[in-house]
C-alpha atoms as a PDB file:
ATOM      1  CA  MET A   1      -7.147 -27.062 -48.731  1.00  0.00           C
ATOM      2  CA  THR A   2      -3.146 -28.125 -48.562  1.00  0.00           C
ATOM      3  CA  GLY A   3      -1.540 -28.840 -45.345  1.00  0.00           C
ATOM      4  CA  GLU A   4       0.510 -26.239 -45.856  1.00  0.00           C
ATOM      5  CA  SER A   5      -2.151 -23.903 -46.376  1.00  0.00           C
ATOM      6  CA  ALA A   6      -4.183 -25.074 -43.475  1.00  0.00           C
ATOM      7  CA  ASP A   7      -1.143 -24.630 -41.387  1.00  0.00           C
ATOM      8  CA  LEU A   8      -0.906 -20.971 -42.612  1.00  0.00           C
ATOM      9  CA  GLN A   9      -4.758 -20.338 -41.754  1.00  0.00           C
ATOM     10  CA  ALA A  10      -4.173 -21.884 -38.415  1.00  0.00           C
ATOM     11  CA  PHE A  11      -1.048 -19.541 -37.532  1.00  0.00           C
ATOM     12  CA  PHE A  12      -2.823 -16.235 -38.824  1.00  0.00           C
ATOM     13  CA  PHE A  13      -6.281 -17.807 -36.533  1.00  0.00           C
ATOM     14  CA  ARG A  14      -3.946 -18.136 -33.380  1.00  0.00           C
ATOM     15  CA  ALA A  15      -2.439 -14.587 -34.055  1.00  0.00           C
ATOM     16  CA  VAL A  16      -5.638 -12.964 -34.379  1.00  0.00           C
ATOM     17  CA  THR A  17      -7.187 -14.556 -31.396  1.00  0.00           C
ATOM     18  CA  THR A  18      -3.813 -13.915 -29.304  1.00  0.00           C
ATOM     19  CA  ASN A  19      -3.636 -10.604 -30.152  1.00  0.00           C
ATOM     20  CA  ALA A  20      -7.669 -10.051 -29.268  1.00  0.00           C
ATOM     21  CA  ARG A  21      -7.060 -11.662 -26.063  1.00  0.00           C
ATOM     22  CA  LEU A  22      -4.000  -9.489 -25.345  1.00  0.00           C
ATOM     23  CA  ASP A  23      -6.002  -6.293 -26.283  1.00  0.00           C
ATOM     24  CA  GLY A  24      -8.447  -7.277 -23.786  1.00  0.00           C
ATOM     25  CA  LEU A  25      -6.339  -7.966 -21.165  1.00  0.00           C
ATOM     26  CA  ALA A  26      -4.778  -4.760 -21.671  1.00  0.00           C
ATOM     27  CA  ARG A  27      -8.513  -2.496 -21.445  1.00  0.00           C
ATOM     28  CA  ASP A  28      -9.543  -5.057 -18.841  1.00  0.00           C
ATOM     29  CA  SER A  29      -6.597  -4.346 -16.548  1.00  0.00           C
ATOM     30  CA  ALA A  30      -6.245  -0.778 -17.629  1.00  0.00           C
ATOM     31  CA  ILE A  31      -2.656  -1.250 -18.704  1.00  0.00           C
ATOM     32  CA  ASN A  32      -1.361   1.810 -20.709  1.00  0.00           C
ATOM     33  CA  VAL A  33      -0.156   0.719 -23.991  1.00  0.00           C
ATOM     34  CA  GLY A  34       1.476   3.204 -26.080  1.00  0.00           C
ATOM     35  CA  SER A  35       1.279   5.956 -23.673  1.00  0.00           C
ATOM     36  CA  PRO A  36       2.115   9.663 -24.833  1.00  0.00           C
ATOM     37  CA  ASP A  37       3.742  10.353 -21.331  1.00  0.00           C
ATOM     38  CA  PRO A  38       7.331   9.828 -21.285  1.00  0.00           C
ATOM     39  CA  ILE A  39       7.057   8.634 -17.612  1.00  0.00           C
ATOM     40  CA  ALA A  40       4.613   6.164 -18.602  1.00  0.00           C
ATOM     41  CA  ARG A  41       6.535   4.964 -21.436  1.00  0.00           C
ATOM     42  CA  GLU A  42       9.668   4.420 -19.367  1.00  0.00           C
ATOM     43  CA  ARG A  43       7.881   2.488 -16.812  1.00  0.00           C
ATOM     44  CA  SER A  44       5.898   0.380 -19.546  1.00  0.00           C
ATOM     45  CA  ALA A  45       9.392  -0.381 -21.133  1.00  0.00           C
ATOM     46  CA  ALA A  46      11.093  -1.416 -17.608  1.00  0.00           C
ATOM     47  CA  LEU A  47       8.419  -3.512 -17.156  1.00  0.00           C
ATOM     48  CA  GLU A  48       8.224  -5.183 -20.770  1.00  0.00           C
ATOM     49  CA  ASP A  49      10.657  -7.684 -19.418  1.00  0.00           C
ATOM     50  CA  PHE A  50       8.055  -9.657 -16.597  1.00  0.00           C
ATOM     51  CA  SER A  51       4.885 -11.613 -18.202  1.00  0.00           C
ATOM     52  CA  LEU A  52       2.076  -9.664 -18.815  1.00  0.00           C
ATOM     53  CA  ASP A  53      -0.018 -11.710 -15.851  1.00  0.00           C
ATOM     54  CA  ALA A  54       2.688 -10.099 -13.605  1.00  0.00           C
ATOM     55  CA  GLN A  55       2.015  -7.130 -15.201  1.00  0.00           C
ATOM     56  CA  ILE A  56      -1.617  -7.023 -15.011  1.00  0.00           C
ATOM     57  CA  GLN A  57      -1.481  -8.676 -11.180  1.00  0.00           C
ATOM     58  CA  ALA A  58       0.789  -5.700  -9.988  1.00  0.00           C
ATOM     59  CA  ARG A  59      -1.499  -2.872 -11.859  1.00  0.00           C
ATOM     60  CA  ARG A  60      -4.305  -4.875  -9.753  1.00  0.00           C
ATOM     61  CA  MET A  61      -2.246  -4.737  -6.700  1.00  0.00           C
ATOM     62  CA  GLY A  62      -1.362  -0.841  -7.215  1.00  0.00           C
ATOM     63  CA  GLU A  63      -4.550  -0.283  -6.644  1.00  0.00           C
ATOM     64  CA  PHE A  64      -5.304  -1.298  -3.392  1.00  0.00           C
ATOM     65  CA  TYR A  65      -1.685  -0.124  -2.683  1.00  0.00           C
ATOM     66  CA  GLU A  66      -3.173   3.205  -2.934  1.00  0.00           C
ATOM     67  CA  LEU A  67      -5.791   2.325  -0.599  1.00  0.00           C
ATOM     68  CA  LEU A  68      -3.388   1.362   2.178  1.00  0.00           C
ATOM     69  CA  TYR A  69      -0.893   4.461   1.363  1.00  0.00           C
ATOM     70  CA  CYS A  70      -3.635   6.843   2.349  1.00  0.00           C
ATOM     71  CA  LEU A  71      -5.160   4.778   5.476  1.00  0.00           C
ATOM     72  CA  GLU A  72      -1.445   4.283   6.781  1.00  0.00           C
ATOM     73  CA  ASN A  73      -0.406   8.282   5.962  1.00  0.00           C
ATOM     74  CA  SER A  74      -4.008   9.437   7.487  1.00  0.00           C
ATOM     75  CA  VAL A  75      -3.607   7.347  10.817  1.00  0.00           C
ATOM     76  CA  ARG A  76       0.327   8.812  10.956  1.00  0.00           C
ATOM     77  CA  GLU A  77      -1.076  12.323  10.564  1.00  0.00           C
ATOM     78  CA  LEU A  78      -3.820  11.605  13.055  1.00  0.00           C
ATOM     79  CA  VAL A  79      -1.471  10.438  15.854  1.00  0.00           C
ATOM     80  CA  GLU A  80       1.343  13.040  15.749  1.00  0.00           C
ATOM     81  CA  ARG A  81      -1.630  15.700  15.499  1.00  0.00           C
ATOM     82  CA  THR A  82      -3.608  14.453  18.598  1.00  0.00           C
ATOM     83  CA  LEU A  83      -0.450  13.999  20.424  1.00  0.00           C
ATOM     84  CA  ARG A  84       1.100  17.226  19.516  1.00  0.00           C
ATOM     85  CA  GLU A  85      -2.204  18.980  20.500  1.00  0.00           C
ATOM     86  CA  ALA A  86      -2.030  17.152  23.466  1.00  0.00           C
ATOM     87  CA  LEU A  87       1.405  16.986  24.777  1.00  0.00           C
ATOM     88  CA  GLY A  88       3.229  19.944  22.960  1.00  0.00           C
ATOM     89  CA  PRO A  89       4.964  20.301  20.001  1.00  0.00           C
ATOM     90  CA  ASP A  90       7.903  19.739  21.868  1.00  0.00           C
ATOM     91  CA  ASP A  91       7.052  16.636  23.688  1.00  0.00           C
ATOM     92  CA  TRP A  92       4.779  14.782  21.647  1.00  0.00           C
ATOM     93  CA  TRP A  93       7.424  12.354  20.991  1.00  0.00           C
ATOM     94  CA  THR A  94       9.397  12.033  23.634  1.00  0.00           C
ATOM     95  CA  SER A  95       6.569  11.856  26.261  1.00  0.00           C
ATOM     96  CA  GLY A  96       3.932  10.270  24.274  1.00  0.00           C
ATOM     97  CA  VAL A  97       5.620   7.511  22.187  1.00  0.00           C
ATOM     98  CA  PRO A  98       6.844   4.397  24.472  1.00  0.00           C
ATOM     99  CA  GLU A  99      10.574   4.320  24.283  1.00  0.00           C
ATOM    100  CA  ARG A 100      10.861   0.763  22.609  1.00  0.00           C
ATOM    101  CA  ILE A 101       9.157   2.125  19.864  1.00  0.00           C
ATOM    102  CA  ARG A 102      11.087   5.531  19.835  1.00  0.00           C
ATOM    103  CA  LYS A 103      14.283   3.200  19.815  1.00  0.00           C
ATOM    104  CA  ALA A 104      13.246   1.359  16.773  1.00  0.00           C
ATOM    105  CA  ALA A 105      12.130   4.290  15.061  1.00  0.00           C
ATOM    106  CA  ASP A 106      15.366   6.361  15.501  1.00  0.00           C
ATOM    107  CA  LYS A 107      17.415   2.764  14.264  1.00  0.00           C
ATOM    108  CA  ARG A 108      15.621   2.871  11.291  1.00  0.00           C
ATOM    109  CA  LYS A 109      16.163   6.480  10.507  1.00  0.00           C
ATOM    110  CA  GLN A 110      19.544   6.340  11.290  1.00  0.00           C
ATOM    111  CA  ASP A 111      20.014   3.071   8.779  1.00  0.00           C
ATOM    112  CA  GLU A 112      18.007   5.396   6.455  1.00  0.00           C
ATOM    113  CA  LEU A 113      20.521   8.307   6.660  1.00  0.00           C
ATOM    114  CA  ARG A 114      23.631   6.013   5.836  1.00  0.00           C
ATOM    115  CA  ALA A 115      22.198   4.956   2.460  1.00  0.00           C
ATOM    116  CA  ARG A 116      22.798   8.597   0.978  1.00  0.00           C
ATOM    117  CA  TRP A 117      21.640   7.372  -2.526  1.00  0.00           C
ATOM    118  CA  HIS A 118      18.022   6.650  -1.114  1.00  0.00           C
ATOM    119  CA  GLY A 119      15.653   9.212   0.149  1.00  0.00           C
ATOM    120  CA  PRO A 120      14.243   9.720   3.408  1.00  0.00           C
ATOM    121  CA  ARG A 121      10.782   8.227   4.409  1.00  0.00           C
ATOM    122  CA  GLY A 122       9.559  11.588   5.580  1.00  0.00           C
ATOM    123  CA  GLU A 123      10.910  14.387   7.990  1.00  0.00           C
ATOM    124  CA  SER A 124       8.960  13.018  11.384  1.00  0.00           C
ATOM    125  CA  LEU A 125      10.099  10.093  13.077  1.00  0.00           C
ATOM    126  CA  ILE A 126       6.483   9.008  13.092  1.00  0.00           C
ATOM    127  CA  ASN A 127       7.455   7.841   9.585  1.00  0.00           C
ATOM    128  CA  TYR A 128       9.709   4.948  10.664  1.00  0.00           C
ATOM    129  CA  VAL A 129       7.085   3.224  13.063  1.00  0.00           C
ATOM    130  CA  ASP A 130       5.693   0.378  12.164  1.00  0.00           C
ATOM    131  CA  PHE A 131       1.991  -0.033  11.413  1.00  0.00           C
ATOM    132  CA  PRO A 132       0.938  -1.963  14.207  1.00  0.00           C
ATOM    133  CA  GLN A 133       2.774   0.491  16.551  1.00  0.00           C
ATOM    134  CA  TYR A 134       0.441   3.020  16.025  1.00  0.00           C
ATOM    135  CA  ALA A 135      -2.311   0.788  18.013  1.00  0.00           C
ATOM    136  CA  GLU A 136       0.278   0.363  20.776  1.00  0.00           C
ATOM    137  CA  ILE A 137       0.922   4.463  20.802  1.00  0.00           C
ATOM    138  CA  MET A 138      -2.522   5.001  20.859  1.00  0.00           C
ATOM    139  CA  GLY A 139      -3.308   2.782  23.648  1.00  0.00           C
ATOM    140  CA  ALA A 140      -0.403   3.961  25.355  1.00  0.00           C
ATOM    141  CA  GLN A 141      -1.817   7.466  25.306  1.00  0.00           C
ATOM    142  CA  TRP A 142      -5.378   6.259  25.507  1.00  0.00           C
ATOM    143  CA  GLU A 143      -6.782   8.942  27.360  1.00  0.00           C
ATOM    144  CA  HIS A 144      -6.404  11.610  24.330  1.00  0.00           C
ATOM    145  CA  PHE A 145      -7.606   8.757  21.607  1.00  0.00           C
ATOM    146  CA  GLU A 146     -10.486   7.624  23.864  1.00  0.00           C
ATOM    147  CA  GLU A 147     -13.157   9.936  22.676  1.00  0.00           C
ATOM    148  CA  LEU A 148     -12.015   9.643  19.167  1.00  0.00           C
ATOM    149  CA  ILE A 149     -11.834   6.306  18.707  1.00  0.00           C
ATOM    150  CA  GLY A 150     -14.266   4.522  21.570  1.00  0.00           C
ATOM    151  CA  ASP A 151     -13.172   1.170  21.968  1.00  0.00           C
ATOM    152  CA  GLN A 152      -9.822   0.347  22.770  1.00  0.00           C
ATOM    153  CA  ASP A 153     -10.026  -3.678  22.242  1.00  0.00           C
ATOM    154  CA  TRP A 154     -11.784  -2.727  18.704  1.00  0.00           C
ATOM    155  CA  MET A 155      -8.882  -0.548  17.540  1.00  0.00           C
ATOM    156  CA  VAL A 156      -6.072  -3.217  18.622  1.00  0.00           C
ATOM    157  CA  ASN A 157      -8.164  -5.952  16.438  1.00  0.00           C
ATOM    158  CA  TYR A 158      -8.091  -3.493  13.820  1.00  0.00           C
ATOM    159  CA  PHE A 159      -4.532  -2.771  13.524  1.00  0.00           C
ATOM    160  CA  ALA A 160      -3.578  -6.422  13.488  1.00  0.00           C
ATOM    161  CA  GLU A 161      -6.237  -7.355  10.954  1.00  0.00           C
ATOM    162  CA  MET A 162      -4.950  -4.517   8.466  1.00  0.00           C
ATOM    163  CA  ASN A 163      -1.660  -5.305   9.042  1.00  0.00           C
ATOM    164  CA  ARG A 164      -2.129  -8.941   7.451  1.00  0.00           C
ATOM    165  CA  THR A 165      -3.139  -7.334   4.637  1.00  0.00           C
ATOM    166  CA  ARG A 166      -0.599  -4.505   4.681  1.00  0.00           C
ATOM    167  CA  ARG A 167       2.041  -7.116   4.884  1.00  0.00           C
ATOM    168  CA  ALA A 168       0.791  -8.908   2.128  1.00  0.00           C
ATOM    169  CA  LEU A 169       0.803  -5.651  -0.189  1.00  0.00           C
ATOM    170  CA  ALA A 170       4.052  -4.582   1.119  1.00  0.00           C
ATOM    171  CA  HIS A 171       5.621  -7.776   0.014  1.00  0.00           C
ATOM    172  CA  THR A 172       4.218  -8.123  -3.461  1.00  0.00           C
ATOM    173  CA  GLY A 173       1.781 -10.574  -2.469  1.00  0.00           C
ATOM    174  CA  VAL A 174      -1.555 -11.046  -4.170  1.00  0.00           C
ATOM    175  CA  LEU A 175      -5.124 -10.304  -2.479  1.00  0.00           C
ATOM    176  CA  THR A 176      -8.023 -12.665  -3.008  1.00  0.00           C
ATOM    177  CA  ASP A 177     -11.309 -10.598  -3.954  1.00  0.00           C
ATOM    178  CA  THR A 178     -12.369 -11.691  -0.525  1.00  0.00           C
ATOM    179  CA  ASP A 179      -8.995 -10.000   1.352  1.00  0.00           C
ATOM    180  CA  VAL A 180      -9.928  -6.793  -0.881  1.00  0.00           C
ATOM    181  CA  GLU A 181     -13.506  -6.748  -0.117  1.00  0.00           C
ATOM    182  CA  ARG A 182     -12.221  -7.096   3.912  1.00  0.00           C
ATOM    183  CA  MET A 183      -9.764  -4.213   3.273  1.00  0.00           C
ATOM    184  CA  GLU A 184     -12.104  -1.771   1.384  1.00  0.00           C
ATOM    185  CA  PHE A 185     -14.884  -2.403   4.335  1.00  0.00           C
ATOM    186  CA  ARG A 186     -12.346  -1.719   7.209  1.00  0.00           C
ATOM    187  CA  VAL A 187     -10.897   1.435   5.050  1.00  0.00           C
ATOM    188  CA  ARG A 188     -14.222   2.620   5.112  1.00  0.00           C
ATOM    189  CA  GLU A 189     -15.057   1.290   9.084  1.00  0.00           C
ATOM    190  CA  TRP A 190     -11.889   3.413  10.351  1.00  0.00           C
ATOM    191  CA  LEU A 191     -13.101   6.489   8.379  1.00  0.00           C
ATOM    192  CA  ARG A 192     -16.338   6.103   9.776  1.00  0.00           C
ATOM    193  CA  VAL A 193     -14.880   5.631  13.334  1.00  0.00           C
ATOM    194  CA  VAL A 194     -12.491   8.794  13.052  1.00  0.00           C
ATOM    195  CA  GLY A 195     -14.538  10.766  11.279  1.00  0.00           C
END
């Protein structure tokens, strides 16, 4: 075999093994290659400028973001529903939420209203509250949450711990396998407590 044919053979071998590796990575990470869905194709085209490793990590973290999204929105719903039932639909916000939190949420909403090019977080001011502040709200209105949650210290620690994971995901960090296991356990724990 000549040097030129050996080089050519080596090139083909590298191409075949690289393609096989990329196919395996795409399958393992559930990256949708050549999707017939035009939105997925457009998203995929926008992602093409980023490395495959970045795309794989984003897809993996996206799965956990879904879990966080569901948890945080269910907490919002729980807080608002409980306070509406206890304090009334007109007074739940002003009577049930500490003033410092109300002011911060109102400021965030006003800031977003000025950014007309961007959609709002939601209709209710509860959508403008920071994640750890849900524990503060429930603690300030503990008589309405005690029967449901049971242990106020557990609740405060829960939100402090989950906020670490939330910040990592919200700021495009990467969770370790241990972080993921802890997050999944803590979400199941929350659901077990609040039913």
